[in-house]
All heavy atoms as atom14 arrays in JSON, in Angstrom:
{
  "sequence": "SYYQMGVELAEAMKAGTDGGVILTVEESQGS",
  "atom14_mask": [
    [1, 1, 1, 1, 1, 1, 0, 0, 0, 0, 0, 0, 0, 0],
    [1, 1, 1, 1, 1, 1, 1, 1, 1, 1, 1, 1, 0, 0],
    [1, 1, 1, 1, 1, 1, 1, 1, 1, 1, 1, 1, 0, 0],
    [1, 1, 1, 1, 1, 1, 1, 1, 1, 0, 0, 0, 0, 0],
    [1, 1, 1, 1, 1, 1, 1, 1, 0, 0, 0, 0, 0, 0],
    [1, 1, 1, 1, 0, 0, 0, 0, 0, 0, 0, 0, 0, 0],
    [1, 1, 1, 1, 1, 1, 1, 0, 0, 0, 0, 0, 0, 0],
    [1, 1, 1, 1, 1, 1, 1, 1, 1, 0, 0, 0, 0, 0],
    [1, 1, 1, 1, 1, 1, 1, 1, 0, 0, 0, 0, 0, 0],
    [1, 1, 1, 1, 1, 0, 0, 0, 0, 0, 0, 0, 0, 0],
    [1, 1, 1, 1, 1, 1, 1, 1, 1, 0, 0, 0, 0, 0],
    [1, 1, 1, 1, 1, 0, 0, 0, 0, 0, 0, 0, 0, 0],
    [1, 1, 1, 1, 1, 1, 1, 1, 0, 0, 0, 0, 0, 0],
    [1, 1, 1, 1, 1, 1, 1, 1, 1, 0, 0, 0, 0, 0],
    [1, 1, 1, 1, 1, 0, 0, 0, 0, 0, 0, 0, 0, 0],
    [1, 1, 1, 1, 0, 0, 0, 0, 0, 0, 0, 0, 0, 0],
    [1, 1, 1, 1, 1, 1, 1, 0, 0, 0, 0, 0, 0, 0],
    [1, 1, 1, 1, 1, 1, 1, 1, 0, 0, 0, 0, 0, 0],
    [1, 1, 1, 1, 0, 0, 0, 0, 0, 0, 0, 0, 0, 0],
    [1, 1, 1, 1, 0, 0, 0, 0, 0, 0, 0, 0, 0, 0],
    [1, 1, 1, 1, 1, 1, 1, 0, 0, 0, 0, 0, 0, 0],
    [1, 1, 1, 1, 1, 1, 1, 1, 0, 0, 0, 0, 0, 0],
    [1, 1, 1, 1, 1, 1, 1, 1, 0, 0, 0, 0, 0, 0],
    [1, 1, 1, 1, 1, 1, 1, 0, 0, 0, 0, 0, 0, 0],
    [1, 1, 1, 1, 1, 1, 1, 0, 0, 0, 0, 0, 0, 0],
    [1, 1, 1, 1, 1, 1, 1, 1, 1, 0, 0, 0, 0, 0],
    [1, 1, 1, 1, 1, 1, 1, 1, 1, 0, 0, 0, 0, 0],
    [1, 1, 1, 1, 1, 1, 0, 0, 0, 0, 0, 0, 0, 0],
    [1, 1, 1, 1, 1, 1, 1, 1, 1, 0, 0, 0, 0, 0],
    [1, 1, 1, 1, 0, 0, 0, 0, 0, 0, 0, 0, 0, 0],
    [1, 1, 1, 1, 1, 1, 0, 0, 0, 0, 0, 0, 0, 0]
  ],
  "atom14_positions": [
    [[0.82, -1.22, 0.0], [0.02, -0.02, -0.02], [0.87, 1.26, 0.01], [0.53, 2.26, -0.65], [-0.93, 0.0, 1.2], [-0.21, -0.05, 2.43], [0.0, 0.0, 0.0], [0.0, 0.0, 0.0], [0.0, 0.0, 0.0], [0.0, 0.0, 0.0], [0.0, 0.0, 0.0], [0.0, 0.0, 0.0], [0.0, 0.0, 0.0], [0.0, 0.0, 0.0]],
    [[2.01, 1.22, 0.66], [2.85, 2.37, 0.71], [3.53, 2.67, -0.59], [3.82, 3.82, -0.97], [3.89, 2.25, 1.85], [3.24, 2.59, 3.22], [2.67, 1.58, 3.99], [3.13, 3.88, 3.67], [2.07, 1.86, 5.17], [2.51, 4.19, 4.86], [1.96, 3.17, 5.61], [1.31, 3.46, 6.82], [0.0, 0.0, 0.0], [0.0, 0.0, 0.0]],
    [[3.84, 1.65, -1.38], [4.32, 1.87, -2.72], [3.23, 2.51, -3.6], [3.52, 3.44, -4.35], [4.79, 0.54, -3.33], [5.52, 0.68, -4.67], [6.89, 0.84, -4.69], [4.81, 0.67, -5.85], [7.58, 0.98, -5.91], [5.48, 0.81, -7.09], [6.87, 0.96, -7.07], [7.49, 1.12, -8.29], [0.0, 0.0, 0.0], [0.0, 0.0, 0.0]],
    [[2.02, 2.05, -3.44], [0.91, 2.6, -4.16], [0.73, 4.09, -3.78], [0.43, 4.92, -4.63], [-0.4, 1.81, -3.92], [-1.64, 2.36, -4.64], [-1.53, 2.41, -6.11], [-0.78, 1.61, -6.71], [-2.17, 3.36, -6.77], [0.0, 0.0, 0.0], [0.0, 0.0, 0.0], [0.0, 0.0, 0.0], [0.0, 0.0, 0.0], [0.0, 0.0, 0.0]],
    [[0.88, 4.36, -2.5], [0.84, 5.81, -2.1], [1.85, 6.65, -2.82], [1.58, 7.81, -3.17], [1.04, 5.94, -0.57], [-0.1, 5.44, 0.24], [0.38, 5.52, 2.03], [-0.72, 4.25, 2.69], [0.0, 0.0, 0.0], [0.0, 0.0, 0.0], [0.0, 0.0, 0.0], [0.0, 0.0, 0.0], [0.0, 0.0, 0.0], [0.0, 0.0, 0.0]],
    [[3.01, 6.07, -3.03], [4.07, 6.79, -3.77], [3.62, 7.12, -5.17], [3.86, 8.21, -5.69], [0.0, 0.0, 0.0], [0.0, 0.0, 0.0], [0.0, 0.0, 0.0], [0.0, 0.0, 0.0], [0.0, 0.0, 0.0], [0.0, 0.0, 0.0], [0.0, 0.0, 0.0], [0.0, 0.0, 0.0], [0.0, 0.0, 0.0], [0.0, 0.0, 0.0]],
    [[3.0, 6.15, -5.8], [2.45, 6.36, -7.19], [1.43, 7.48, -7.18], [1.38, 8.38, -8.01], [1.87, 5.06, -7.75], [1.19, 5.31, -9.08], [2.95, 4.03, -7.86], [0.0, 0.0, 0.0], [0.0, 0.0, 0.0], [0.0, 0.0, 0.0], [0.0, 0.0, 0.0], [0.0, 0.0, 0.0], [0.0, 0.0, 0.0], [0.0, 0.0, 0.0]],
    [[0.53, 7.42, -6.18], [-0.53, 8.44, -6.08], [0.05, 9.82, -5.81], [-0.38, 10.82, -6.35], [-1.53, 8.04, -5.01], [-2.37, 6.79, -5.33], [-2.99, 6.14, -4.12], [-2.86, 6.68, -3.0], [-3.65, 5.12, -4.33], [0.0, 0.0, 0.0], [0.0, 0.0, 0.0], [0.0, 0.0, 0.0], [0.0, 0.0, 0.0], [0.0, 0.0, 0.0]],
    [[1.09, 9.88, -4.92], [1.69, 11.13, -4.65], [2.42, 11.7, -5.82], [2.39, 12.92, -6.09], [2.64, 10.95, -3.43], [3.24, 12.21, -2.79], [2.15, 13.16, -2.38], [4.17, 11.85, -1.67], [0.0, 0.0, 0.0], [0.0, 0.0, 0.0], [0.0, 0.0, 0.0], [0.0, 0.0, 0.0], [0.0, 0.0, 0.0], [0.0, 0.0, 0.0]],
    [[3.07, 10.84, -6.62], [3.73, 11.28, -7.85], [2.74, 11.93, -8.78], [3.01, 12.99, -9.39], [4.45, 10.12, -8.49], [0.0, 0.0, 0.0], [0.0, 0.0, 0.0], [0.0, 0.0, 0.0], [0.0, 0.0, 0.0], [0.0, 0.0, 0.0], [0.0, 0.0, 0.0], [0.0, 0.0, 0.0], [0.0, 0.0, 0.0], [0.0, 0.0, 0.0]],
    [[1.59, 11.29, -8.95], [0.57, 11.86, -9.83], [0.07, 13.19, -9.34], [-0.13, 14.16, -10.11], [-0.59, 10.89, -9.98], [-0.24, 9.59, -10.7], [-1.3, 8.53, -10.6], [-2.29, 8.71, -9.84], [-1.2, 7.49, -11.24], [0.0, 0.0, 0.0], [0.0, 0.0, 0.0], [0.0, 0.0, 0.0], [0.0, 0.0, 0.0], [0.0, 0.0, 0.0]],
    [[-0.1, 13.3, -8.01], [-0.63, 14.55, -7.4], [0.41, 15.65, -7.55], [0.05, 16.81, -7.81], [-0.94, 14.32, -5.93], [0.0, 0.0, 0.0], [0.0, 0.0, 0.0], [0.0, 0.0, 0.0], [0.0, 0.0, 0.0], [0.0, 0.0, 0.0], [0.0, 0.0, 0.0], [0.0, 0.0, 0.0], [0.0, 0.0, 0.0], [0.0, 0.0, 0.0]],
    [[1.69, 15.37, -7.35], [2.72, 16.39, -7.44], [2.82, 16.94, -8.9], [2.92, 18.12, -9.1], [4.06, 15.8, -7.05], [4.24, 15.64, -5.57], [4.23, 17.18, -4.61], [4.21, 16.52, -2.93], [0.0, 0.0, 0.0], [0.0, 0.0, 0.0], [0.0, 0.0, 0.0], [0.0, 0.0, 0.0], [0.0, 0.0, 0.0], [0.0, 0.0, 0.0]],
    [[2.73, 16.04, -9.84], [2.76, 16.47, -11.26], [1.63, 17.34, -11.61], [1.75, 18.38, -12.2], [2.82, 15.2, -12.2], [2.94, 15.58, -13.69], [3.01, 14.31, -14.53], [3.13, 14.69, -16.0], [3.24, 13.47, -16.87], [0.0, 0.0, 0.0], [0.0, 0.0, 0.0], [0.0, 0.0, 0.0], [0.0, 0.0, 0.0], [0.0, 0.0, 0.0]],
    [[0.39, 16.89, -11.17], [-0.78, 17.68, -11.5], [-0.82, 19.01, -10.72], [-1.21, 20.0, -11.26], [-2.03, 16.85, -11.15], [0.0, 0.0, 0.0], [0.0, 0.0, 0.0], [0.0, 0.0, 0.0], [0.0, 0.0, 0.0], [0.0, 0.0, 0.0], [0.0, 0.0, 0.0], [0.0, 0.0, 0.0], [0.0, 0.0, 0.0], [0.0, 0.0, 0.0]],
    [[-0.38, 18.98, -9.46], [-0.49, 20.14, -8.62], [0.52, 21.21, -8.94], [0.4, 22.35, -8.51], [0.0, 0.0, 0.0], [0.0, 0.0, 0.0], [0.0, 0.0, 0.0], [0.0, 0.0, 0.0], [0.0, 0.0, 0.0], [0.0, 0.0, 0.0], [0.0, 0.0, 0.0], [0.0, 0.0, 0.0], [0.0, 0.0, 0.0], [0.0, 0.0, 0.0]],
    [[1.57, 20.86, -9.72], [2.6, 21.82, -10.1], [2.67, 22.05, -11.59], [3.62, 22.61, -12.11], [4.02, 21.38, -9.57], [4.35, 20.11, -10.21], [4.04, 21.24, -8.05], [0.0, 0.0, 0.0], [0.0, 0.0, 0.0], [0.0, 0.0, 0.0], [0.0, 0.0, 0.0], [0.0, 0.0, 0.0], [0.0, 0.0, 0.0], [0.0, 0.0, 0.0]],
    [[1.65, 21.59, -12.29], [1.59, 21.68, -13.79], [2.87, 21.14, -14.4], [3.45, 21.71, -15.33], [1.43, 23.15, -14.21], [0.03, 23.69, -13.79], [-0.9, 22.94, -13.88], [-0.04, 24.89, -13.49], [0.0, 0.0, 0.0], [0.0, 0.0, 0.0], [0.0, 0.0, 0.0], [0.0, 0.0, 0.0], [0.0, 0.0, 0.0], [0.0, 0.0, 0.0]],
    [[3.32, 19.98, -13.86], [4.52, 19.31, -14.42], [5.81, 19.85, -13.89], [6.88, 19.41, -14.31], [0.0, 0.0, 0.0], [0.0, 0.0, 0.0], [0.0, 0.0, 0.0], [0.0, 0.0, 0.0], [0.0, 0.0, 0.0], [0.0, 0.0, 0.0], [0.0, 0.0, 0.0], [0.0, 0.0, 0.0], [0.0, 0.0, 0.0], [0.0, 0.0, 0.0]],
    [[5.76, 20.81, -12.96], [6.95, 21.41, -12.44], [7.73, 20.47, -11.52], [8.92, 20.61, -11.34], [0.0, 0.0, 0.0], [0.0, 0.0, 0.0], [0.0, 0.0, 0.0], [0.0, 0.0, 0.0], [0.0, 0.0, 0.0], [0.0, 0.0, 0.0], [0.0, 0.0, 0.0], [0.0, 0.0, 0.0], [0.0, 0.0, 0.0], [0.0, 0.0, 0.0]],
    [[7.02, 19.54, -10.85], [7.65, 18.53, -10.0], [7.33, 17.14, -10.54], [6.19, 16.79, -10.71], [7.19, 18.6, -8.52], [7.75, 17.5, -7.68], [7.57, 19.97, -7.94], [0.0, 0.0, 0.0], [0.0, 0.0, 0.0], [0.0, 0.0, 0.0], [0.0, 0.0, 0.0], [0.0, 0.0, 0.0], [0.0, 0.0, 0.0], [0.0, 0.0, 0.0]],
    [[8.39, 16.4, -10.86], [8.22, 15.03, -11.44], [8.83, 14.03, -10.4], [10.05, 14.08, -10.16], [8.91, 14.89, -12.77], [8.34, 15.93, -13.77], [8.74, 13.49, -13.32], [6.87, 15.79, -14.07], [0.0, 0.0, 0.0], [0.0, 0.0, 0.0], [0.0, 0.0, 0.0], [0.0, 0.0, 0.0], [0.0, 0.0, 0.0], [0.0, 0.0, 0.0]],
    [[7.98, 13.15, -9.87], [8.46, 12.12, -8.99], [8.59, 10.8, -9.69], [7.71, 10.43, -10.43], [7.48, 11.92, -7.83], [7.61, 12.8, -6.58], [7.2, 14.25, -6.89], [6.8, 12.27, -5.43], [0.0, 0.0, 0.0], [0.0, 0.0, 0.0], [0.0, 0.0, 0.0], [0.0, 0.0, 0.0], [0.0, 0.0, 0.0], [0.0, 0.0, 0.0]],
    [[9.7, 10.13, -9.51], [9.9, 8.78, -10.01], [9.95, 7.85, -8.82], [10.8, 7.98, -7.94], [11.21, 8.69, -10.82], [11.15, 9.62, -11.94], [11.39, 7.26, -11.39], [0.0, 0.0, 0.0], [0.0, 0.0, 0.0], [0.0, 0.0, 0.0], [0.0, 0.0, 0.0], [0.0, 0.0, 0.0], [0.0, 0.0, 0.0], [0.0, 0.0, 0.0]],
    [[9.0, 6.92, -8.78], [8.9, 6.01, -7.61], [10.0, 4.93, -7.69], [10.16, 4.25, -8.73], [7.5, 5.38, -7.53], [7.4, 4.46, -6.31], [6.44, 6.47, -7.46], [0.0, 0.0, 0.0], [0.0, 0.0, 0.0], [0.0, 0.0, 0.0], [0.0, 0.0, 0.0], [0.0, 0.0, 0.0], [0.0, 0.0, 0.0], [0.0, 0.0, 0.0]],
    [[10.72, 4.75, -6.63], [11.76, 3.78, -6.49], [11.46, 2.82, -5.35], [11.13, 3.25, -4.25], [13.11, 4.47, -6.27], [14.32, 3.58, -6.2], [15.58, 4.41, -5.93], [15.85, 5.32, -6.72], [16.28, 4.1, -4.94], [0.0, 0.0, 0.0], [0.0, 0.0, 0.0], [0.0, 0.0, 0.0], [0.0, 0.0, 0.0], [0.0, 0.0, 0.0]],
    [[11.59, 1.52, -5.64], [11.29, 0.5, -4.6], [12.34, 0.57, -3.46], [13.49, 0.89, -3.68], [11.27, -0.89, -5.21], [10.83, -1.97, -4.26], [10.76, -3.32, -4.9], [11.23, -3.48, -6.04], [10.22, -4.28, -4.27], [0.0, 0.0, 0.0], [0.0, 0.0, 0.0], [0.0, 0.0, 0.0], [0.0, 0.0, 0.0], [0.0, 0.0, 0.0]],
    [[11.86, 0.27, -2.27], [12.73, 0.19, -1.09], [12.53, -1.12, -0.36], [11.48, -1.73, -0.47], [12.4, 1.38, -0.17], [12.89, 1.12, 1.13], [0.0, 0.0, 0.0], [0.0, 0.0, 0.0], [0.0, 0.0, 0.0], [0.0, 0.0, 0.0], [0.0, 0.0, 0.0], [0.0, 0.0, 0.0], [0.0, 0.0, 0.0], [0.0, 0.0, 0.0]],
    [[13.51, -1.49, 0.43], [13.39, -2.71, 1.22], [12.89, -2.4, 2.62], [12.73, -3.34, 3.41], [14.71, -3.45, 1.31], [15.17, -3.95, -0.05], [14.13, -4.81, -0.76], [13.65, -5.78, -0.18], [13.73, -4.43, -1.96], [0.0, 0.0, 0.0], [0.0, 0.0, 0.0], [0.0, 0.0, 0.0], [0.0, 0.0, 0.0], [0.0, 0.0, 0.0]],
    [[12.65, -1.12, 2.96], [12.14, -0.81, 4.3], [12.66, 0.46, 4.84], [13.57, 1.12, 4.3], [0.0, 0.0, 0.0], [0.0, 0.0, 0.0], [0.0, 0.0, 0.0], [0.0, 0.0, 0.0], [0.0, 0.0, 0.0], [0.0, 0.0, 0.0], [0.0, 0.0, 0.0], [0.0, 0.0, 0.0], [0.0, 0.0, 0.0], [0.0, 0.0, 0.0]],
    [[12.1, 0.83, 5.98], [12.37, 2.13, 6.56], [13.81, 2.3, 7.1], [14.37, 3.37, 7.05], [11.38, 2.4, 7.69], [10.06, 2.54, 7.21], [0.0, 0.0, 0.0], [0.0, 0.0, 0.0], [0.0, 0.0, 0.0], [0.0, 0.0, 0.0], [0.0, 0.0, 0.0], [0.0, 0.0, 0.0], [0.0, 0.0, 0.0], [0.0, 0.0, 0.0]]
  ]
}
C-alpha cells in the first residue's frame, strides 16, 4: 500500500505543479 501511495503522490505532485515537480517512484526494502 505504501508503494501505491508513492504512485498516487507522484501523480498529485505532477498535477499540482503543472508538471513542475516530477516524482519517479523507486522501490525500497524498508524504513
